[in-house]
Amino acid sequence: RPILTIANAIDEGIYEDLLSLAQELHSQKMEGIYVE
């Protein structure tokens, strides 16, 4: 939320790129966390 807020205040394109990155990293994180 803090990073997306700053990105949204700067530029809509930067916000969209960061949101896509957040979704991608979240998917990778979930794969690593819930291996068992």
Full PDB file with SEQRES, HELIX, SHEET, SSBOND, CRYST1, ORIGX, SCALE, CONECT and MASTER records, all heavy atoms in Angstrom:
SEQRES   1 A   36  ARG PRO ILE LEU THR ILE ALA ASN ALA ILE ASP GLU GLY          
SEQRES   2 A   36  ILE TYR GLU ASP LEU LEU SER LEU ALA GLN GLU LEU HIS          
SEQRES   3 A   36  SER GLN LYS MET GLU GLY ILE TYR VAL GLU                      
HELIX    1 AA1 PRO A    2  ILE A   10  1                                   9    
HELIX    2 AA2 GLU A   12  ILE A   33  1                                  22    
CRYST1    1.000    1.000    1.000  90.00  90.00  90.00 P 1           1          
ORIGX1      1.000000  0.000000  0.000000        0.00000                         
ORIGX2      0.000000  1.000000  0.000000        0.00000                         
ORIGX3      0.000000  0.000000  1.000000        0.00000                         
SCALE1      1.000000  0.000000  0.000000        0.00000                         
SCALE2      0.000000  1.000000  0.000000        0.00000                         
SCALE3      0.000000  0.000000  1.000000        0.00000                         
ATOM      1  N   ARG A   1       0.801  -1.230   0.000  1.00  0.00           N  
ATOM      2  CA  ARG A   1       0.000   0.000   0.000  1.00  0.00           C  
ATOM      3  C   ARG A   1       0.836   1.284   0.000  1.00  0.00           C  
ATOM      4  O   ARG A   1       0.565   2.200  -0.786  1.00  0.00           O  
ATOM      5  CB  ARG A   1      -0.917  -0.029   1.217  1.00  0.00           C  
ATOM      6  CG  ARG A   1      -1.905   1.119   1.322  1.00  0.00           C  
ATOM      7  CD  ARG A   1      -2.603   1.037   2.662  1.00  0.00           C  
ATOM      8  NE  ARG A   1      -3.708   1.966   2.804  1.00  0.00           N  
ATOM      9  CZ  ARG A   1      -4.062   2.502   3.956  1.00  0.00           C  
ATOM     10  NH1 ARG A   1      -3.400   2.177   5.046  1.00  0.00           N  
ATOM     11  NH2 ARG A   1      -5.082   3.335   4.030  1.00  0.00           N  
ATOM     12  N   PRO A   2       1.885   1.443   0.852  1.00  0.00           N  
ATOM     13  CA  PRO A   2       2.674   2.684   0.798  1.00  0.00           C  
ATOM     14  C   PRO A   2       3.335   2.912  -0.551  1.00  0.00           C  
ATOM     15  O   PRO A   2       3.335   4.037  -1.072  1.00  0.00           O  
ATOM     16  CB  PRO A   2       3.719   2.478   1.904  1.00  0.00           C  
ATOM     17  CG  PRO A   2       3.129   1.455   2.821  1.00  0.00           C  
ATOM     18  CD  PRO A   2       2.337   0.548   1.932  1.00  0.00           C  
ATOM     19  N   ILE A   3       3.908   1.847  -1.133  1.00  0.00           N  
ATOM     20  CA  ILE A   3       4.619   1.993  -2.402  1.00  0.00           C  
ATOM     21  C   ILE A   3       3.651   2.281  -3.539  1.00  0.00           C  
ATOM     22  O   ILE A   3       3.911   3.137  -4.403  1.00  0.00           O  
ATOM     23  CB  ILE A   3       5.441   0.719  -2.685  1.00  0.00           C  
ATOM     24  CG1 ILE A   3       6.453   0.508  -1.566  1.00  0.00           C  
ATOM     25  CG2 ILE A   3       6.145   0.803  -4.039  1.00  0.00           C  
ATOM     26  CD1 ILE A   3       7.208  -0.769  -1.650  1.00  0.00           C  
ATOM     27  N   LEU A   4       2.520   1.603  -3.555  1.00  0.00           N  
ATOM     28  CA  LEU A   4       1.520   1.864  -4.593  1.00  0.00           C  
ATOM     29  C   LEU A   4       0.963   3.283  -4.465  1.00  0.00           C  
ATOM     30  O   LEU A   4       0.662   3.933  -5.470  1.00  0.00           O  
ATOM     31  CB  LEU A   4       0.386   0.839  -4.486  1.00  0.00           C  
ATOM     32  CG  LEU A   4       0.743  -0.601  -4.863  1.00  0.00           C  
ATOM     33  CD1 LEU A   4      -0.435  -1.533  -4.577  1.00  0.00           C  
ATOM     34  CD2 LEU A   4       1.138  -0.696  -6.337  1.00  0.00           C  
ATOM     35  N   THR A   5       0.832   3.771  -3.238  1.00  0.00           N  
ATOM     36  CA  THR A   5       0.333   5.130  -3.030  1.00  0.00           C  
ATOM     37  C   THR A   5       1.295   6.161  -3.611  1.00  0.00           C  
ATOM     38  O   THR A   5       0.888   7.091  -4.330  1.00  0.00           O  
ATOM     39  CB  THR A   5       0.123   5.401  -1.540  1.00  0.00           C  
ATOM     40  OG1 THR A   5      -0.888   4.525  -1.038  1.00  0.00           O  
ATOM     41  CG2 THR A   5      -0.301   6.839  -1.304  1.00  0.00           C  
ATOM     42  N   ILE A   6       2.588   6.007  -3.316  1.00  0.00           N  
ATOM     43  CA  ILE A   6       3.585   6.937  -3.851  1.00  0.00           C  
ATOM     44  C   ILE A   6       3.614   6.853  -5.374  1.00  0.00           C  
ATOM     45  O   ILE A   6       3.675   7.874  -6.074  1.00  0.00           O  
ATOM     46  CB  ILE A   6       4.978   6.626  -3.268  1.00  0.00           C  
ATOM     47  CG1 ILE A   6       4.962   6.761  -1.747  1.00  0.00           C  
ATOM     48  CG2 ILE A   6       6.026   7.551  -3.881  1.00  0.00           C  
ATOM     49  CD1 ILE A   6       4.618   8.133  -1.240  1.00  0.00           C  
ATOM     50  N   ALA A   7       3.556   5.629  -5.914  1.00  0.00           N  
ATOM     51  CA  ALA A   7       3.557   5.468  -7.363  1.00  0.00           C  
ATOM     52  C   ALA A   7       2.338   6.133  -7.999  1.00  0.00           C  
ATOM     53  O   ALA A   7       2.440   6.779  -9.049  1.00  0.00           O  
ATOM     54  CB  ALA A   7       3.590   3.981  -7.725  1.00  0.00           C  
ATOM     55  N   ASN A   8       1.188   6.005  -7.365  1.00  0.00           N  
ATOM     56  CA  ASN A   8      -0.035   6.612  -7.877  1.00  0.00           C  
ATOM     57  C   ASN A   8       0.048   8.138  -7.864  1.00  0.00           C  
ATOM     58  O   ASN A   8      -0.476   8.817  -8.745  1.00  0.00           O  
ATOM     59  CB  ASN A   8      -1.228   6.139  -7.058  1.00  0.00           C  
ATOM     60  CG  ASN A   8      -2.555   6.592  -7.646  1.00  0.00           C  
ATOM     61  OD1 ASN A   8      -2.828   6.356  -8.816  1.00  0.00           O  
ATOM     62  ND2 ASN A   8      -3.379   7.230  -6.841  1.00  0.00           N  
ATOM     63  N   ALA A   9       0.741   8.682  -6.852  1.00  0.00           N  
ATOM     64  CA  ALA A   9       0.913  10.134  -6.774  1.00  0.00           C  
ATOM     65  C   ALA A   9       1.869  10.650  -7.849  1.00  0.00           C  
ATOM     66  O   ALA A   9       1.778  11.819  -8.256  1.00  0.00           O  
ATOM     67  CB  ALA A   9       1.422  10.522  -5.396  1.00  0.00           C  
ATOM     68  N   ILE A  10       2.777   9.788  -8.317  1.00  0.00           N  
ATOM     69  CA  ILE A  10       3.772  10.211  -9.311  1.00  0.00           C  
ATOM     70  C   ILE A  10       3.227  10.106 -10.729  1.00  0.00           C  
ATOM     71  O   ILE A  10       3.216  11.070 -11.497  1.00  0.00           O  
ATOM     72  CB  ILE A  10       5.059   9.377  -9.170  1.00  0.00           C  
ATOM     73  CG1 ILE A  10       5.707   9.635  -7.800  1.00  0.00           C  
ATOM     74  CG2 ILE A  10       6.046   9.693 -10.285  1.00  0.00           C  
ATOM     75  CD1 ILE A  10       6.858   8.715  -7.490  1.00  0.00           C  
ATOM     76  N   ASP A  11       2.734   8.890 -11.096  1.00  0.00           N  
ATOM     77  CA  ASP A  11       2.326   8.670 -12.478  1.00  0.00           C  
ATOM     78  C   ASP A  11       1.477   7.401 -12.552  1.00  0.00           C  
ATOM     79  O   ASP A  11       1.802   6.394 -11.919  1.00  0.00           O  
ATOM     80  CB  ASP A  11       3.559   8.522 -13.383  1.00  0.00           C  
ATOM     81  CG  ASP A  11       3.190   8.313 -14.833  1.00  0.00           C  
ATOM     82  OD1 ASP A  11       2.868   9.308 -15.507  1.00  0.00           O  
ATOM     83  OD2 ASP A  11       3.230   7.152 -15.286  1.00  0.00           O  
ATOM     84  N   GLU A  12       0.420   7.436 -13.346  1.00  0.00           N  
ATOM     85  CA  GLU A  12      -0.477   6.288 -13.461  1.00  0.00           C  
ATOM     86  C   GLU A  12       0.226   5.087 -14.083  1.00  0.00           C  
ATOM     87  O   GLU A  12      -0.009   3.937 -13.693  1.00  0.00           O  
ATOM     88  CB  GLU A  12      -1.699   6.664 -14.297  1.00  0.00           C  
ATOM     89  CG  GLU A  12      -2.744   5.550 -14.364  1.00  0.00           C  
ATOM     90  CD  GLU A  12      -4.001   5.960 -15.111  1.00  0.00           C  
ATOM     91  OE1 GLU A  12      -4.138   7.170 -15.426  1.00  0.00           O  
ATOM     92  OE2 GLU A  12      -4.841   5.083 -15.372  1.00  0.00           O  
ATOM     93  N   GLY A  13       1.125   5.341 -15.049  1.00  0.00           N  
ATOM     94  CA  GLY A  13       1.861   4.243 -15.676  1.00  0.00           C  
ATOM     95  C   GLY A  13       2.771   3.530 -14.694  1.00  0.00           C  
ATOM     96  O   GLY A  13       2.858   2.295 -14.696  1.00  0.00           O  
ATOM     97  N   ILE A  14       3.455   4.304 -13.851  1.00  0.00           N  
ATOM     98  CA  ILE A  14       4.313   3.707 -12.824  1.00  0.00           C  
ATOM     99  C   ILE A  14       3.475   2.890 -11.853  1.00  0.00           C  
ATOM    100  O   ILE A  14       3.867   1.790 -11.437  1.00  0.00           O  
ATOM    101  CB  ILE A  14       5.089   4.809 -12.079  1.00  0.00           C  
ATOM    102  CG1 ILE A  14       6.053   5.509 -13.028  1.00  0.00           C  
ATOM    103  CG2 ILE A  14       5.853   4.222 -10.888  1.00  0.00           C  
ATOM    104  CD1 ILE A  14       6.787   6.667 -12.402  1.00  0.00           C  
ATOM    105  N   TYR A  15       2.307   3.403 -11.504  1.00  0.00           N  
ATOM    106  CA  TYR A  15       1.404   2.673 -10.599  1.00  0.00           C  
ATOM    107  C   TYR A  15       0.994   1.329 -11.191  1.00  0.00           C  
ATOM    108  O   TYR A  15       1.038   0.304 -10.511  1.00  0.00           O  
ATOM    109  CB  TYR A  15       0.174   3.534 -10.311  1.00  0.00           C  
ATOM    110  CG  TYR A  15      -0.942   2.783  -9.612  1.00  0.00           C  
ATOM    111  CD1 TYR A  15      -0.859   2.501  -8.255  1.00  0.00           C  
ATOM    112  CD2 TYR A  15      -2.067   2.344 -10.307  1.00  0.00           C  
ATOM    113  CE1 TYR A  15      -1.868   1.801  -7.606  1.00  0.00           C  
ATOM    114  CE2 TYR A  15      -3.075   1.647  -9.668  1.00  0.00           C  
ATOM    115  CZ  TYR A  15      -2.974   1.377  -8.326  1.00  0.00           C  
ATOM    116  OH  TYR A  15      -3.975   0.678  -7.694  1.00  0.00           O  
ATOM    117  N   GLU A  16       0.616   1.311 -12.460  1.00  0.00           N  
ATOM    118  CA  GLU A  16       0.191   0.068 -13.104  1.00  0.00           C  
ATOM    119  C   GLU A  16       1.350  -0.931 -13.176  1.00  0.00           C  
ATOM    120  O   GLU A  16       1.156  -2.131 -12.956  1.00  0.00           O  
ATOM    121  CB  GLU A  16      -0.353   0.356 -14.501  1.00  0.00           C  
ATOM    122  CG  GLU A  16      -1.635   1.170 -14.517  1.00  0.00           C  
ATOM    123  CD  GLU A  16      -2.807   0.435 -13.889  1.00  0.00           C  
ATOM    124  OE1 GLU A  16      -2.763  -0.817 -13.835  1.00  0.00           O  
ATOM    125  OE2 GLU A  16      -3.759   1.107 -13.447  1.00  0.00           O  
ATOM    126  N   ASP A  17       2.556  -0.445 -13.485  1.00  0.00           N  
ATOM    127  CA  ASP A  17       3.718  -1.333 -13.545  1.00  0.00           C  
ATOM    128  C   ASP A  17       4.011  -1.946 -12.179  1.00  0.00           C  
ATOM    129  O   ASP A  17       4.295  -3.144 -12.069  1.00  0.00           O  
ATOM    130  CB  ASP A  17       4.947  -0.562 -14.040  1.00  0.00           C  
ATOM    131  CG  ASP A  17       4.850  -0.189 -15.514  1.00  0.00           C  
ATOM    132  OD1 ASP A  17       4.010  -0.786 -16.221  1.00  0.00           O  
ATOM    133  OD2 ASP A  17       5.606   0.705 -15.944  1.00  0.00           O  
ATOM    134  N   LEU A  18       3.938  -1.134 -11.134  1.00  0.00           N  
ATOM    135  CA  LEU A  18       4.213  -1.639  -9.785  1.00  0.00           C  
ATOM    136  C   LEU A  18       3.137  -2.614  -9.321  1.00  0.00           C  
ATOM    137  O   LEU A  18       3.430  -3.595  -8.641  1.00  0.00           O  
ATOM    138  CB  LEU A  18       4.330  -0.476  -8.803  1.00  0.00           C  
ATOM    139  CG  LEU A  18       5.723   0.116  -8.631  1.00  0.00           C  
ATOM    140  CD1 LEU A  18       5.689   1.312  -7.706  1.00  0.00           C  
ATOM    141  CD2 LEU A  18       6.697  -0.923  -8.106  1.00  0.00           C  
ATOM    142  N   LEU A  19       1.900  -2.354  -9.694  1.00  0.00           N  
ATOM    143  CA  LEU A  19       0.821  -3.261  -9.318  1.00  0.00           C  
ATOM    144  C   LEU A  19       1.017  -4.620  -9.990  1.00  0.00           C  
ATOM    145  O   LEU A  19       0.830  -5.676  -9.358  1.00  0.00           O  
ATOM    146  CB  LEU A  19      -0.531  -2.670  -9.717  1.00  0.00           C  
ATOM    147  CG  LEU A  19      -1.763  -3.485  -9.338  1.00  0.00           C  
ATOM    148  CD1 LEU A  19      -1.820  -3.735  -7.836  1.00  0.00           C  
ATOM    149  CD2 LEU A  19      -3.042  -2.786  -9.806  1.00  0.00           C  
ATOM    150  N   SER A  20       1.423  -4.624 -11.263  1.00  0.00           N  
ATOM    151  CA  SER A  20       1.707  -5.886 -11.952  1.00  0.00           C  
ATOM    152  C   SER A  20       2.873  -6.616 -11.290  1.00  0.00           C  
ATOM    153  O   SER A  20       2.837  -7.846 -11.125  1.00  0.00           O  
ATOM    154  CB  SER A  20       2.031  -5.619 -13.426  1.00  0.00           C  
ATOM    155  OG  SER A  20       0.932  -5.047 -14.089  1.00  0.00           O  
ATOM    156  N   LEU A  21       3.907  -5.852 -10.909  1.00  0.00           N  
ATOM    157  CA  LEU A  21       5.046  -6.461 -10.217  1.00  0.00           C  
ATOM    158  C   LEU A  21       4.616  -7.047  -8.878  1.00  0.00           C  
ATOM    159  O   LEU A  21       5.046  -8.142  -8.509  1.00  0.00           O  
ATOM    160  CB  LEU A  21       6.140  -5.412 -10.007  1.00  0.00           C  
ATOM    161  CG  LEU A  21       7.364  -5.871  -9.201  1.00  0.00           C  
ATOM    162  CD1 LEU A  21       8.102  -6.984  -9.920  1.00  0.00           C  
ATOM    163  CD2 LEU A  21       8.303  -4.690  -8.934  1.00  0.00           C  
ATOM    164  N   ALA A  22       3.764  -6.336  -8.147  1.00  0.00           N  
ATOM    165  CA  ALA A  22       3.289  -6.826  -6.852  1.00  0.00           C  
ATOM    166  C   ALA A  22       2.548  -8.146  -7.012  1.00  0.00           C  
ATOM    167  O   ALA A  22       2.741  -9.079  -6.221  1.00  0.00           O  
ATOM    168  CB  ALA A  22       2.383  -5.780  -6.211  1.00  0.00           C  
ATOM    169  N   GLN A  23       1.713  -8.255  -8.042  1.00  0.00           N  
ATOM    170  CA  GLN A  23       0.969  -9.492  -8.280  1.00  0.00           C  
ATOM    171  C   GLN A  23       1.910 -10.632  -8.640  1.00  0.00           C  
ATOM    172  O   GLN A  23       1.747 -11.767  -8.173  1.00  0.00           O  
ATOM    173  CB  GLN A  23      -0.056  -9.265  -9.389  1.00  0.00           C  
ATOM    174  CG  GLN A  23      -1.188  -8.336  -8.999  1.00  0.00           C  
ATOM    175  CD  GLN A  23      -2.116  -8.047 -10.165  1.00  0.00           C  
ATOM    176  OE1 GLN A  23      -1.829  -7.234 -11.033  1.00  0.00           O  
ATOM    177  NE2 GLN A  23      -3.245  -8.732 -10.196  1.00  0.00           N  
ATOM    178  N   GLU A  24       2.903 -10.331  -9.462  1.00  0.00           N  
ATOM    179  CA  GLU A  24       3.865 -11.360  -9.871  1.00  0.00           C  
ATOM    180  C   GLU A  24       4.681 -11.859  -8.682  1.00  0.00           C  
ATOM    181  O   GLU A  24       4.846 -13.076  -8.478  1.00  0.00           O  
ATOM    182  CB  GLU A  24       4.798 -10.796 -10.939  1.00  0.00           C  
ATOM    183  CG  GLU A  24       5.854 -11.780 -11.425  1.00  0.00           C  
ATOM    184  CD  GLU A  24       6.805 -11.164 -12.432  1.00  0.00           C  
ATOM    185  OE1 GLU A  24       6.495 -10.076 -12.963  1.00  0.00           O  
ATOM    186  OE2 GLU A  24       7.872 -11.777 -12.679  1.00  0.00           O  
ATOM    187  N   LEU A  25       5.195 -10.927  -7.870  1.00  0.00           N  
ATOM    188  CA  LEU A  25       5.978 -11.325  -6.703  1.00  0.00           C  
ATOM    189  C   LEU A  25       5.130 -12.063  -5.675  1.00  0.00           C  
ATOM    190  O   LEU A  25       5.616 -12.976  -4.999  1.00  0.00           O  
ATOM    191  CB  LEU A  25       6.617 -10.091  -6.067  1.00  0.00           C  
ATOM    192  CG  LEU A  25       7.696  -9.381  -6.887  1.00  0.00           C  
ATOM    193  CD1 LEU A  25       8.228  -8.165  -6.133  1.00  0.00           C  
ATOM    194  CD2 LEU A  25       8.824 -10.330  -7.240  1.00  0.00           C  
ATOM    195  N   HIS A  26       3.861 -11.671  -5.561  1.00  0.00           N  
ATOM    196  CA  HIS A  26       2.969 -12.366  -4.625  1.00  0.00           C  
ATOM    197  C   HIS A  26       2.781 -13.821  -5.048  1.00  0.00           C  
ATOM    198  O   HIS A  26       2.816 -14.727  -4.205  1.00  0.00           O  
ATOM    199  CB  HIS A  26       1.627 -11.657  -4.576  1.00  0.00           C  
ATOM    200  CG  HIS A  26       0.601 -12.343  -3.724  1.00  0.00           C  
ATOM    201  ND1 HIS A  26       0.786 -12.584  -2.377  1.00  0.00           N  
ATOM    202  CD2 HIS A  26      -0.613 -12.877  -4.047  1.00  0.00           C  
ATOM    203  CE1 HIS A  26      -0.263 -13.217  -1.899  1.00  0.00           C  
ATOM    204  NE2 HIS A  26      -1.118 -13.406  -2.881  1.00  0.00           N  
ATOM    205  N   SER A  27       2.601 -14.061  -6.336  1.00  0.00           N  
ATOM    206  CA  SER A  27       2.446 -15.433  -6.829  1.00  0.00           C  
ATOM    207  C   SER A  27       3.697 -16.259  -6.547  1.00  0.00           C  
ATOM    208  O   SER A  27       3.618 -17.404  -6.094  1.00  0.00           O  
ATOM    209  CB  SER A  27       2.158 -15.421  -8.337  1.00  0.00           C  
ATOM    210  OG  SER A  27       0.949 -14.748  -8.613  1.00  0.00           O  
ATOM    211  N   GLN A  28       4.879 -15.664  -6.794  1.00  0.00           N  
ATOM    212  CA  GLN A  28       6.126 -16.368  -6.522  1.00  0.00           C  
ATOM    213  C   GLN A  28       6.281 -16.654  -5.034  1.00  0.00           C  
ATOM    214  O   GLN A  28       6.726 -17.733  -4.637  1.00  0.00           O  
ATOM    215  CB  GLN A  28       7.303 -15.532  -7.022  1.00  0.00           C  
ATOM    216  CG  GLN A  28       7.344 -15.344  -8.525  1.00  0.00           C  
ATOM    217  CD  GLN A  28       8.463 -14.420  -8.958  1.00  0.00           C  
ATOM    218  OE1 GLN A  28       9.289 -13.980  -8.154  1.00  0.00           O  
ATOM    219  NE2 GLN A  28       8.506 -14.110 -10.244  1.00  0.00           N  
ATOM    220  N   LYS A  29       5.906 -15.693  -4.209  1.00  0.00           N  
ATOM    221  CA  LYS A  29       6.025 -15.852  -2.761  1.00  0.00           C  
ATOM    222  C   LYS A  29       5.124 -16.980  -2.266  1.00  0.00           C  
ATOM    223  O   LYS A  29       5.526 -17.799  -1.431  1.00  0.00           O  
ATOM    224  CB  LYS A  29       5.677 -14.544  -2.056  1.00  0.00           C  
ATOM    225  CG  LYS A  29       5.911 -14.573  -0.559  1.00  0.00           C  
ATOM    226  CD  LYS A  29       5.323 -13.344   0.103  1.00  0.00           C  
ATOM    227  CE  LYS A  29       5.968 -12.073  -0.377  1.00  0.00           C  
ATOM    228  NZ  LYS A  29       5.462 -10.881   0.350  1.00  0.00           N  
ATOM    229  N   MET A  30       3.897 -17.030  -2.771  1.00  0.00           N  
ATOM    230  CA  MET A  30       2.965 -18.068  -2.341  1.00  0.00           C  
ATOM    231  C   MET A  30       3.461 -19.456  -2.721  1.00  0.00           C  
ATOM    232  O   MET A  30       3.292 -20.419  -1.972  1.00  0.00           O  
ATOM    233  CB  MET A  30       1.585 -17.817  -2.947  1.00  0.00           C  
ATOM    234  CG  MET A  30       0.858 -16.601  -2.391  1.00  0.00           C  
ATOM    235  SD  MET A  30       0.586 -16.675  -0.582  1.00  0.00           S  
ATOM    236  CE  MET A  30       1.933 -15.611  -0.003  1.00  0.00           C  
ATOM    237  N   GLU A  31       4.084 -19.570  -3.876  1.00  0.00           N  
ATOM    238  CA  GLU A  31       4.638 -20.863  -4.278  1.00  0.00           C  
ATOM    239  C   GLU A  31       5.731 -21.316  -3.324  1.00  0.00           C  
ATOM    240  O   GLU A  31       5.859 -22.496  -3.012  1.00  0.00           O  
ATOM    241  CB  GLU A  31       5.192 -20.773  -5.699  1.00  0.00           C  
ATOM    242  CG  GLU A  31       4.127 -20.653  -6.776  1.00  0.00           C  
ATOM    243  CD  GLU A  31       4.722 -20.590  -8.173  1.00  0.00           C  
ATOM    244  OE1 GLU A  31       5.965 -20.754  -8.280  1.00  0.00           O  
ATOM    245  OE2 GLU A  31       3.971 -20.381  -9.133  1.00  0.00           O  
ATOM    246  N   GLY A  32       6.536 -20.353  -2.852  1.00  0.00           N  
ATOM    247  CA  GLY A  32       7.612 -20.701  -1.931  1.00  0.00           C  
ATOM    248  C   GLY A  32       7.140 -20.942  -0.518  1.00  0.00           C  
ATOM    249  O   GLY A  32       7.666 -21.801   0.186  1.00  0.00           O  
ATOM    250  N   ILE A  33       6.113 -20.198  -0.081  1.00  0.00           N  
ATOM    251  CA  ILE A  33       5.647 -20.308   1.302  1.00  0.00           C  
ATOM    252  C   ILE A  33       4.871 -21.593   1.531  1.00  0.00           C  
ATOM    253  O   ILE A  33       5.015 -22.261   2.555  1.00  0.00           O  
ATOM    254  CB  ILE A  33       4.786 -19.083   1.672  1.00  0.00           C  
ATOM    255  CG1 ILE A  33       5.674 -17.840   1.783  1.00  0.00           C  
ATOM    256  CG2 ILE A  33       4.027 -19.317   2.974  1.00  0.00           C  
ATOM    257  CD1 ILE A  33       4.914 -16.569   2.076  1.00  0.00           C  
ATOM    258  N   TYR A  34       4.032 -21.971   0.570  1.00  0.00           N  
ATOM    259  CA  TYR A  34       3.122 -23.113   0.778  1.00  0.00           C  
ATOM    260  C   TYR A  34       3.586 -24.371   0.046  1.00  0.00           C  
ATOM    261  O   TYR A  34       2.788 -25.115  -0.500  1.00  0.00           O  
ATOM    262  CB  TYR A  34       1.717 -22.728   0.316  1.00  0.00           C  
ATOM    263  CG  TYR A  34       1.102 -21.625   1.146  1.00  0.00           C  
ATOM    264  CD1 TYR A  34       0.933 -20.347   0.629  1.00  0.00           C  
ATOM    265  CD2 TYR A  34       0.730 -21.852   2.466  1.00  0.00           C  
ATOM    266  CE1 TYR A  34       0.388 -19.330   1.399  1.00  0.00           C  
ATOM    267  CE2 TYR A  34       0.190 -20.842   3.242  1.00  0.00           C  
ATOM    268  CZ  TYR A  34       0.011 -19.586   2.704  1.00  0.00           C  
ATOM    269  OH  TYR A  34      -0.518 -18.587   3.463  1.00  0.00           O  
ATOM    270  N   VAL A  35       4.898 -24.609   0.042  1.00  0.00           N  
ATOM    271  CA  VAL A  35       5.441 -25.795  -0.629  1.00  0.00           C  
ATOM    272  C   VAL A  35       4.938 -27.077   0.033  1.00  0.00           C  
ATOM    273  O   VAL A  35       4.493 -28.018  -0.641  1.00  0.00           O  
ATOM    274  CB  VAL A  35       6.984 -25.750  -0.627  1.00  0.00           C  
ATOM    275  CG1 VAL A  35       7.549 -27.078  -1.126  1.00  0.00           C  
ATOM    276  CG2 VAL A  35       7.476 -24.609  -1.495  1.00  0.00           C  
ATOM    277  N   GLU A  36       4.985 -27.127   1.369  1.00  0.00           N  
ATOM    278  CA  GLU A  36       4.571 -28.341   2.065  1.00  0.00           C  
ATOM    279  C   GLU A  36       3.085 -28.607   1.855  1.00  0.00           C  
ATOM    280  O   GLU A  36       2.679 -29.763   1.629  1.00  0.00           O  
ATOM    281  CB  GLU A  36       4.879 -28.221   3.560  1.00  0.00           C  
ATOM    282  CG  GLU A  36       6.367 -28.163   3.869  1.00  0.00           C  
ATOM    283  CD  GLU A  36       6.635 -28.093   5.355  1.00  0.00           C  
ATOM    284  OE1 GLU A  36       5.652 -28.075   6.123  1.00  0.00           O  
ATOM    285  OE2 GLU A  36       7.815 -28.064   5.757  1.00  0.00           O  
TER     286      GLU A  36                                                      
MASTER        0    0    0    2    0    0    0    6  285    1    0    3          
END                                                                             
